[in-house]
Amino acid sequence: ERGMGAYDPVIDEDAADFLADTAN
């Protein structure tokens, strides 16, 4: 509804970890 889910994306856990860490 409010995110990017309509595009049917998936994110790898290491990518999510990287973004979460890098966002500081």
mmCIF file of all heavy atoms, coordinates in Angstrom:
data_MODEL
# 
_entry.id   MODEL 
# 
loop_
_atom_site.group_PDB 
_atom_site.id 
_atom_site.type_symbol 
_atom_site.label_atom_id 
_atom_site.label_alt_id 
_atom_site.label_comp_id 
_atom_site.label_asym_id 
_atom_site.label_entity_id 
_atom_site.label_seq_id 
_atom_site.pdbx_PDB_ins_code 
_atom_site.Cartn_x 
_atom_site.Cartn_y 
_atom_site.Cartn_z 
_atom_site.occupancy 
_atom_site.B_iso_or_equiv 
_atom_site.pdbx_formal_charge 
_atom_site.auth_seq_id 
_atom_site.auth_comp_id 
_atom_site.auth_asym_id 
_atom_site.auth_atom_id 
_atom_site.pdbx_PDB_model_num 
ATOM 1   N N   . GLU A 1 1  ? 0.813  -1.205  0.000  1.00 0.00 ? 1  GLU A N   1 
ATOM 2   C CA  . GLU A 1 1  ? 0.000  0.000   0.000  1.00 0.00 ? 1  GLU A CA  1 
ATOM 3   C C   . GLU A 1 1  ? 0.854  1.265   0.000  1.00 0.00 ? 1  GLU A C   1 
ATOM 4   O O   . GLU A 1 1  ? 0.651  2.159   -0.842 1.00 0.00 ? 1  GLU A O   1 
ATOM 5   C CB  . GLU A 1 1  ? -0.932 0.005   1.216  1.00 0.00 ? 1  GLU A CB  1 
ATOM 6   C CG  . GLU A 1 1  ? -1.809 1.261   1.293  1.00 0.00 ? 1  GLU A CG  1 
ATOM 7   C CD  . GLU A 1 1  ? -2.560 1.371   2.608  1.00 0.00 ? 1  GLU A CD  1 
ATOM 8   O OE1 . GLU A 1 1  ? -2.513 0.437   3.425  1.00 0.00 ? 1  GLU A OE1 1 
ATOM 9   O OE2 . GLU A 1 1  ? -3.192 2.430   2.828  1.00 0.00 ? 1  GLU A OE2 1 
ATOM 10  N N   . ARG A 1 2  ? 1.807  1.339   0.910  1.00 0.00 ? 2  ARG A N   1 
ATOM 11  C CA  . ARG A 1 2  ? 2.578  2.569   1.065  1.00 0.00 ? 2  ARG A CA  1 
ATOM 12  C C   . ARG A 1 2  ? 4.044  2.404   0.684  1.00 0.00 ? 2  ARG A C   1 
ATOM 13  O O   . ARG A 1 2  ? 4.762  3.403   0.553  1.00 0.00 ? 2  ARG A O   1 
ATOM 14  C CB  . ARG A 1 2  ? 2.464  3.066   2.507  1.00 0.00 ? 2  ARG A CB  1 
ATOM 15  C CG  . ARG A 1 2  ? 1.045  3.510   2.864  1.00 0.00 ? 2  ARG A CG  1 
ATOM 16  C CD  . ARG A 1 2  ? 0.802  3.532   4.348  1.00 0.00 ? 2  ARG A CD  1 
ATOM 17  N NE  . ARG A 1 2  ? 1.704  4.420   5.050  1.00 0.00 ? 2  ARG A NE  1 
ATOM 18  C CZ  . ARG A 1 2  ? 1.837  4.451   6.371  1.00 0.00 ? 2  ARG A CZ  1 
ATOM 19  N NH1 . ARG A 1 2  ? 1.141  3.621   7.135  1.00 0.00 ? 2  ARG A NH1 1 
ATOM 20  N NH2 . ARG A 1 2  ? 2.674  5.293   6.942  1.00 0.00 ? 2  ARG A NH2 1 
ATOM 21  N N   . GLY A 1 3  ? 4.488  1.157   0.545  1.00 0.00 ? 3  GLY A N   1 
ATOM 22  C CA  . GLY A 1 3  ? 5.867  0.903   0.186  1.00 0.00 ? 3  GLY A CA  1 
ATOM 23  C C   . GLY A 1 3  ? 6.027  0.595   -1.292 1.00 0.00 ? 3  GLY A C   1 
ATOM 24  O O   . GLY A 1 3  ? 5.258  1.066   -2.130 1.00 0.00 ? 3  GLY A O   1 
ATOM 25  N N   . MET A 1 4  ? 7.029  -0.206  -1.600 1.00 0.00 ? 4  MET A N   1 
ATOM 26  C CA  . MET A 1 4  ? 7.328  -0.579  -2.982 1.00 0.00 ? 4  MET A CA  1 
ATOM 27  C C   . MET A 1 4  ? 6.821  -1.970  -3.315 1.00 0.00 ? 4  MET A C   1 
ATOM 28  O O   . MET A 1 4  ? 7.170  -2.526  -4.356 1.00 0.00 ? 4  MET A O   1 
ATOM 29  C CB  . MET A 1 4  ? 8.846  -0.517  -3.217 1.00 0.00 ? 4  MET A CB  1 
ATOM 30  C CG  . MET A 1 4  ? 9.503  0.795   -2.831 1.00 0.00 ? 4  MET A CG  1 
ATOM 31  S SD  . MET A 1 4  ? 8.885  2.233   -3.742 1.00 0.00 ? 4  MET A SD  1 
ATOM 32  C CE  . MET A 1 4  ? 9.495  1.909   -5.400 1.00 0.00 ? 4  MET A CE  1 
ATOM 33  N N   . GLY A 1 5  ? 5.990  -2.540  -2.451 1.00 0.00 ? 5  GLY A N   1 
ATOM 34  C CA  . GLY A 1 5  ? 5.530  -3.917  -2.612 1.00 0.00 ? 5  GLY A CA  1 
ATOM 35  C C   . GLY A 1 5  ? 4.816  -4.191  -3.916 1.00 0.00 ? 5  GLY A C   1 
ATOM 36  O O   . GLY A 1 5  ? 4.857  -5.316  -4.430 1.00 0.00 ? 5  GLY A O   1 
ATOM 37  N N   . ALA A 1 6  ? 4.138  -3.173  -4.467 1.00 0.00 ? 6  ALA A N   1 
ATOM 38  C CA  . ALA A 1 6  ? 3.405  -3.358  -5.721 1.00 0.00 ? 6  ALA A CA  1 
ATOM 39  C C   . ALA A 1 6  ? 4.333  -3.709  -6.883 1.00 0.00 ? 6  ALA A C   1 
ATOM 40  O O   . ALA A 1 6  ? 3.895  -4.286  -7.886 1.00 0.00 ? 6  ALA A O   1 
ATOM 41  C CB  . ALA A 1 6  ? 2.603  -2.096  -6.043 1.00 0.00 ? 6  ALA A CB  1 
ATOM 42  N N   . TYR A 1 7  ? 5.620  -3.375  -6.747 1.00 0.00 ? 7  TYR A N   1 
ATOM 43  C CA  . TYR A 1 7  ? 6.591  -3.694  -7.796 1.00 0.00 ? 7  TYR A CA  1 
ATOM 44  C C   . TYR A 1 7  ? 7.101  -5.134  -7.682 1.00 0.00 ? 7  TYR A C   1 
ATOM 45  O O   . TYR A 1 7  ? 7.878  -5.575  -8.535 1.00 0.00 ? 7  TYR A O   1 
ATOM 46  C CB  . TYR A 1 7  ? 7.782  -2.731  -7.736 1.00 0.00 ? 7  TYR A CB  1 
ATOM 47  C CG  . TYR A 1 7  ? 7.445  -1.307  -8.114 1.00 0.00 ? 7  TYR A CG  1 
ATOM 48  C CD1 . TYR A 1 7  ? 6.982  -0.414  -7.162 1.00 0.00 ? 7  TYR A CD1 1 
ATOM 49  C CD2 . TYR A 1 7  ? 7.590  -0.865  -9.415 1.00 0.00 ? 7  TYR A CD2 1 
ATOM 50  C CE1 . TYR A 1 7  ? 6.685  0.895   -7.494 1.00 0.00 ? 7  TYR A CE1 1 
ATOM 51  C CE2 . TYR A 1 7  ? 7.299  0.453   -9.762 1.00 0.00 ? 7  TYR A CE2 1 
ATOM 52  C CZ  . TYR A 1 7  ? 6.845  1.328   -8.799 1.00 0.00 ? 7  TYR A CZ  1 
ATOM 53  O OH  . TYR A 1 7  ? 6.542  2.621   -9.147 1.00 0.00 ? 7  TYR A OH  1 
ATOM 54  N N   . ASP A 1 8  ? 6.704  -5.831  -6.631 1.00 0.00 ? 8  ASP A N   1 
ATOM 55  C CA  . ASP A 1 8  ? 7.126  -7.208  -6.376 1.00 0.00 ? 8  ASP A CA  1 
ATOM 56  C C   . ASP A 1 8  ? 8.648  -7.336  -6.226 1.00 0.00 ? 8  ASP A C   1 
ATOM 57  O O   . ASP A 1 8  ? 9.276  -8.180  -6.884 1.00 0.00 ? 8  ASP A O   1 
ATOM 58  C CB  . ASP A 1 8  ? 6.625  -8.136  -7.500 1.00 0.00 ? 8  ASP A CB  1 
ATOM 59  C CG  . ASP A 1 8  ? 6.475  -9.587  -7.022 1.00 0.00 ? 8  ASP A CG  1 
ATOM 60  O OD1 . ASP A 1 8  ? 6.477  -9.802  -5.781 1.00 0.00 ? 8  ASP A OD1 1 
ATOM 61  O OD2 . ASP A 1 8  ? 6.372  -10.484 -7.870 1.00 0.00 ? 8  ASP A OD2 1 
ATOM 62  N N   . PRO A 1 9  ? 9.219  -6.532  -5.346 1.00 0.00 ? 9  PRO A N   1 
ATOM 63  C CA  . PRO A 1 9  ? 10.666 -6.648  -5.117 1.00 0.00 ? 9  PRO A CA  1 
ATOM 64  C C   . PRO A 1 9  ? 10.970 -7.630  -3.982 1.00 0.00 ? 9  PRO A C   1 
ATOM 65  O O   . PRO A 1 9  ? 10.099 -7.965  -3.175 1.00 0.00 ? 9  PRO A O   1 
ATOM 66  C CB  . PRO A 1 9  ? 11.069 -5.237  -4.713 1.00 0.00 ? 9  PRO A CB  1 
ATOM 67  C CG  . PRO A 1 9  ? 9.869  -4.737  -3.956 1.00 0.00 ? 9  PRO A CG  1 
ATOM 68  C CD  . PRO A 1 9  ? 8.652  -5.411  -4.568 1.00 0.00 ? 9  PRO A CD  1 
ATOM 69  N N   . VAL A 1 10 ? 12.204 -8.092  -3.908 1.00 0.00 ? 10 VAL A N   1 
ATOM 70  C CA  . VAL A 1 10 ? 12.724 -8.837  -2.763 1.00 0.00 ? 10 VAL A CA  1 
ATOM 71  C C   . VAL A 1 10 ? 14.105 -8.275  -2.453 1.00 0.00 ? 10 VAL A C   1 
ATOM 72  O O   . VAL A 1 10 ? 14.792 -7.777  -3.350 1.00 0.00 ? 10 VAL A O   1 
ATOM 73  C CB  . VAL A 1 10 ? 12.808 -10.353 -3.034 1.00 0.00 ? 10 VAL A CB  1 
ATOM 74  C CG1 . VAL A 1 10 ? 11.426 -10.969 -3.172 1.00 0.00 ? 10 VAL A CG1 1 
ATOM 75  C CG2 . VAL A 1 10 ? 13.653 -10.640 -4.256 1.00 0.00 ? 10 VAL A CG2 1 
ATOM 76  N N   . ILE A 1 11 ? 14.489 -8.346  -1.197 1.00 0.00 ? 11 ILE A N   1 
ATOM 77  C CA  . ILE A 1 11 ? 15.797 -7.842  -0.808 1.00 0.00 ? 11 ILE A CA  1 
ATOM 78  C C   . ILE A 1 11 ? 16.553 -8.933  -0.069 1.00 0.00 ? 11 ILE A C   1 
ATOM 79  O O   . ILE A 1 11 ? 16.018 -9.611  0.812  1.00 0.00 ? 11 ILE A O   1 
ATOM 80  C CB  . ILE A 1 11 ? 15.689 -6.560  0.063  1.00 0.00 ? 11 ILE A CB  1 
ATOM 81  C CG1 . ILE A 1 11 ? 17.088 -5.963  0.308  1.00 0.00 ? 11 ILE A CG1 1 
ATOM 82  C CG2 . ILE A 1 11 ? 14.940 -6.809  1.364  1.00 0.00 ? 11 ILE A CG2 1 
ATOM 83  C CD1 . ILE A 1 11 ? 17.047 -4.549  0.857  1.00 0.00 ? 11 ILE A CD1 1 
ATOM 84  N N   . ASP A 1 12 ? 17.801 -9.139  -0.477 1.00 0.00 ? 12 ASP A N   1 
ATOM 85  C CA  . ASP A 1 12 ? 18.658 -10.105 0.209  1.00 0.00 ? 12 ASP A CA  1 
ATOM 86  C C   . ASP A 1 12 ? 18.998 -9.577  1.605  1.00 0.00 ? 12 ASP A C   1 
ATOM 87  O O   . ASP A 1 12 ? 19.123 -8.353  1.798  1.00 0.00 ? 12 ASP A O   1 
ATOM 88  C CB  . ASP A 1 12 ? 19.944 -10.339 -0.577 1.00 0.00 ? 12 ASP A CB  1 
ATOM 89  C CG  . ASP A 1 12 ? 19.699 -11.015 -1.927 1.00 0.00 ? 12 ASP A CG  1 
ATOM 90  O OD1 . ASP A 1 12 ? 18.556 -11.469 -2.146 1.00 0.00 ? 12 ASP A OD1 1 
ATOM 91  O OD2 . ASP A 1 12 ? 20.638 -11.055 -2.748 1.00 0.00 ? 12 ASP A OD2 1 
ATOM 92  N N   . GLU A 1 13 ? 19.159 -10.505 2.543  1.00 0.00 ? 13 GLU A N   1 
ATOM 93  C CA  . GLU A 1 13 ? 19.425 -10.087 3.916  1.00 0.00 ? 13 GLU A CA  1 
ATOM 94  C C   . GLU A 1 13 ? 20.750 -9.346  4.040  1.00 0.00 ? 13 GLU A C   1 
ATOM 95  O O   . GLU A 1 13 ? 20.868 -8.413  4.832  1.00 0.00 ? 13 GLU A O   1 
ATOM 96  C CB  . GLU A 1 13 ? 19.393 -11.292 4.855  1.00 0.00 ? 13 GLU A CB  1 
ATOM 97  C CG  . GLU A 1 13 ? 17.964 -11.830 5.102  1.00 0.00 ? 13 GLU A CG  1 
ATOM 98  C CD  . GLU A 1 13 ? 17.016 -10.744 5.593  1.00 0.00 ? 13 GLU A CD  1 
ATOM 99  O OE1 . GLU A 1 13 ? 17.333 -10.076 6.592  1.00 0.00 ? 13 GLU A OE1 1 
ATOM 100 O OE2 . GLU A 1 13 ? 15.964 -10.557 4.954  1.00 0.00 ? 13 GLU A OE2 1 
ATOM 101 N N   . ASP A 1 14 ? 21.752 -9.759  3.272  1.00 0.00 ? 14 ASP A N   1 
ATOM 102 C CA  . ASP A 1 14 ? 23.035 -9.045  3.360  1.00 0.00 ? 14 ASP A CA  1 
ATOM 103 C C   . ASP A 1 14 ? 22.915 -7.638  2.793  1.00 0.00 ? 14 ASP A C   1 
ATOM 104 O O   . ASP A 1 14 ? 23.585 -6.709  3.256  1.00 0.00 ? 14 ASP A O   1 
ATOM 105 C CB  . ASP A 1 14 ? 24.155 -9.824  2.673  1.00 0.00 ? 14 ASP A CB  1 
ATOM 106 C CG  . ASP A 1 14 ? 23.906 -10.096 1.195  1.00 0.00 ? 14 ASP A CG  1 
ATOM 107 O OD1 . ASP A 1 14 ? 22.763 -9.873  0.724  1.00 0.00 ? 14 ASP A OD1 1 
ATOM 108 O OD2 . ASP A 1 14 ? 24.858 -10.540 0.502  1.00 0.00 ? 14 ASP A OD2 1 
ATOM 109 N N   . ALA A 1 15 ? 22.026 -7.451  1.814  1.00 0.00 ? 15 ALA A N   1 
ATOM 110 C CA  . ALA A 1 15 ? 21.790 -6.109  1.279  1.00 0.00 ? 15 ALA A CA  1 
ATOM 111 C C   . ALA A 1 15 ? 21.070 -5.242  2.297  1.00 0.00 ? 15 ALA A C   1 
ATOM 112 O O   . ALA A 1 15 ? 21.407 -4.061  2.481  1.00 0.00 ? 15 ALA A O   1 
ATOM 113 C CB  . ALA A 1 15 ? 20.978 -6.189  -0.009 1.00 0.00 ? 15 ALA A CB  1 
ATOM 114 N N   . ALA A 1 16 ? 20.066 -5.834  2.964  1.00 0.00 ? 16 ALA A N   1 
ATOM 115 C CA  . ALA A 1 16 ? 19.353 -5.092  4.015  1.00 0.00 ? 16 ALA A CA  1 
ATOM 116 C C   . ALA A 1 16 ? 20.298 -4.728  5.153  1.00 0.00 ? 16 ALA A C   1 
ATOM 117 O O   . ALA A 1 16 ? 20.247 -3.616  5.692  1.00 0.00 ? 16 ALA A O   1 
ATOM 118 C CB  . ALA A 1 16 ? 18.179 -5.920  4.530  1.00 0.00 ? 16 ALA A CB  1 
ATOM 119 N N   . ASP A 1 17 ? 21.175 -5.668  5.525  1.00 0.00 ? 17 ASP A N   1 
ATOM 120 C CA  . ASP A 1 17 ? 22.162 -5.398  6.574  1.00 0.00 ? 17 ASP A CA  1 
ATOM 121 C C   . ASP A 1 17 ? 23.090 -4.265  6.171  1.00 0.00 ? 17 ASP A C   1 
ATOM 122 O O   . ASP A 1 17 ? 23.403 -3.377  6.985  1.00 0.00 ? 17 ASP A O   1 
ATOM 123 C CB  . ASP A 1 17 ? 22.992 -6.652  6.858  1.00 0.00 ? 17 ASP A CB  1 
ATOM 124 C CG  . ASP A 1 17 ? 22.296 -7.618  7.792  1.00 0.00 ? 17 ASP A CG  1 
ATOM 125 O OD1 . ASP A 1 17 ? 21.390 -7.180  8.526  1.00 0.00 ? 17 ASP A OD1 1 
ATOM 126 O OD2 . ASP A 1 17 ? 22.663 -8.810  7.804  1.00 0.00 ? 17 ASP A OD2 1 
ATOM 127 N N   . PHE A 1 18 ? 23.540 -4.302  4.934  1.00 0.00 ? 18 PHE A N   1 
ATOM 128 C CA  . PHE A 1 18 ? 24.455 -3.272  4.444  1.00 0.00 ? 18 PHE A CA  1 
ATOM 129 C C   . PHE A 1 18 ? 23.796 -1.896  4.477  1.00 0.00 ? 18 PHE A C   1 
ATOM 130 O O   . PHE A 1 18 ? 24.383 -0.931  4.956  1.00 0.00 ? 18 PHE A O   1 
ATOM 131 C CB  . PHE A 1 18 ? 24.913 -3.604  3.020  1.00 0.00 ? 18 PHE A CB  1 
ATOM 132 C CG  . PHE A 1 18 ? 25.709 -2.502  2.372  1.00 0.00 ? 18 PHE A CG  1 
ATOM 133 C CD1 . PHE A 1 18 ? 27.045 -2.312  2.683  1.00 0.00 ? 18 PHE A CD1 1 
ATOM 134 C CD2 . PHE A 1 18 ? 25.106 -1.633  1.463  1.00 0.00 ? 18 PHE A CD2 1 
ATOM 135 C CE1 . PHE A 1 18 ? 27.780 -1.276  2.099  1.00 0.00 ? 18 PHE A CE1 1 
ATOM 136 C CE2 . PHE A 1 18 ? 25.830 -0.609  0.869  1.00 0.00 ? 18 PHE A CE2 1 
ATOM 137 C CZ  . PHE A 1 18 ? 27.168 -0.431  1.187  1.00 0.00 ? 18 PHE A CZ  1 
ATOM 138 N N   . LEU A 1 19 ? 22.563 -1.801  3.969  1.00 0.00 ? 19 LEU A N   1 
ATOM 139 C CA  . LEU A 1 19 ? 21.869 -0.525  3.946  1.00 0.00 ? 19 LEU A CA  1 
ATOM 140 C C   . LEU A 1 19 ? 21.611 -0.017  5.364  1.00 0.00 ? 19 LEU A C   1 
ATOM 141 O O   . LEU A 1 19 ? 21.780 1.166   5.652  1.00 0.00 ? 19 LEU A O   1 
ATOM 142 C CB  . LEU A 1 19 ? 20.546 -0.643  3.189  1.00 0.00 ? 19 LEU A CB  1 
ATOM 143 C CG  . LEU A 1 19 ? 20.635 -0.798  1.671  1.00 0.00 ? 19 LEU A CG  1 
ATOM 144 C CD1 . LEU A 1 19 ? 19.244 -0.981  1.081  1.00 0.00 ? 19 LEU A CD1 1 
ATOM 145 C CD2 . LEU A 1 19 ? 21.320 0.402   1.034  1.00 0.00 ? 19 LEU A CD2 1 
ATOM 146 N N   . ALA A 1 20 ? 21.211 -0.916  6.254  1.00 0.00 ? 20 ALA A N   1 
ATOM 147 C CA  . ALA A 1 20 ? 20.927 -0.525  7.633  1.00 0.00 ? 20 ALA A CA  1 
ATOM 148 C C   . ALA A 1 20 ? 22.174 -0.006  8.331  1.00 0.00 ? 20 ALA A C   1 
ATOM 149 O O   . ALA A 1 20 ? 22.129 0.952   9.103  1.00 0.00 ? 20 ALA A O   1 
ATOM 150 C CB  . ALA A 1 20 ? 20.339 -1.705  8.402  1.00 0.00 ? 20 ALA A CB  1 
ATOM 151 N N   . ASP A 1 21 ? 23.303 -0.643  8.044  1.00 0.00 ? 21 ASP A N   1 
ATOM 152 C CA  . ASP A 1 21 ? 24.557 -0.225  8.653  1.00 0.00 ? 21 ASP A CA  1 
ATOM 153 C C   . ASP A 1 21 ? 25.079 1.064   8.032  1.00 0.00 ? 21 ASP A C   1 
ATOM 154 O O   . ASP A 1 21 ? 25.502 1.995   8.725  1.00 0.00 ? 21 ASP A O   1 
ATOM 155 C CB  . ASP A 1 21 ? 25.603 -1.332  8.499  1.00 0.00 ? 21 ASP A CB  1 
ATOM 156 C CG  . ASP A 1 21 ? 26.946 -0.944  9.100  1.00 0.00 ? 21 ASP A CG  1 
ATOM 157 O OD1 . ASP A 1 21 ? 26.985 -0.642  10.307 1.00 0.00 ? 21 ASP A OD1 1 
ATOM 158 O OD2 . ASP A 1 21 ? 27.942 -0.921  8.365  1.00 0.00 ? 21 ASP A OD2 1 
ATOM 159 N N   . THR A 1 22 ? 25.023 1.127   6.714  1.00 0.00 ? 22 THR A N   1 
ATOM 160 C CA  . THR A 1 22 ? 25.583 2.258   5.997  1.00 0.00 ? 22 THR A CA  1 
ATOM 161 C C   . THR A 1 22 ? 24.779 3.541   6.212  1.00 0.00 ? 22 THR A C   1 
ATOM 162 O O   . THR A 1 22 ? 25.323 4.636   6.198  1.00 0.00 ? 22 THR A O   1 
ATOM 163 C CB  . THR A 1 22 ? 25.669 1.948   4.491  1.00 0.00 ? 22 THR A CB  1 
ATOM 164 O OG1 . THR A 1 22 ? 26.407 0.745   4.301  1.00 0.00 ? 22 THR A OG1 1 
ATOM 165 C CG2 . THR A 1 22 ? 26.347 3.077   3.729  1.00 0.00 ? 22 THR A CG2 1 
ATOM 166 N N   . ALA A 1 23 ? 23.489 3.410   6.442  1.00 0.00 ? 23 ALA A N   1 
ATOM 167 C CA  . ALA A 1 23 ? 22.649 4.583   6.670  1.00 0.00 ? 23 ALA A CA  1 
ATOM 168 C C   . ALA A 1 23 ? 23.048 5.350   7.912  1.00 0.00 ? 23 ALA A C   1 
ATOM 169 O O   . ALA A 1 23 ? 22.741 6.543   8.047  1.00 0.00 ? 23 ALA A O   1 
ATOM 170 C CB  . ALA A 1 23 ? 21.188 4.167   6.771  1.00 0.00 ? 23 ALA A CB  1 
ATOM 171 N N   . ASN A 1 24 ? 23.729 4.652   8.845  1.00 0.00 ? 24 ASN A N   1 
ATOM 172 C CA  . ASN A 1 24 ? 24.280 5.329   10.022 1.00 0.00 ? 24 ASN A CA  1 
ATOM 173 C C   . ASN A 1 24 ? 23.212 6.066   10.834 1.00 0.00 ? 24 ASN A C   1 
ATOM 174 O O   . ASN A 1 24 ? 23.409 7.185   11.281 1.00 0.00 ? 24 ASN A O   1 
ATOM 175 C CB  . ASN A 1 24 ? 25.376 6.306   9.595  1.00 0.00 ? 24 ASN A CB  1 
ATOM 176 C CG  . ASN A 1 24 ? 26.680 6.079   10.334 1.00 0.00 ? 24 ASN A CG  1 
ATOM 177 O OD1 . ASN A 1 24 ? 26.821 5.111   11.069 1.00 0.00 ? 24 ASN A OD1 1 
ATOM 178 N ND2 . ASN A 1 24 ? 27.631 6.954   10.136 1.00 0.00 ? 24 ASN A ND2 1 
# 
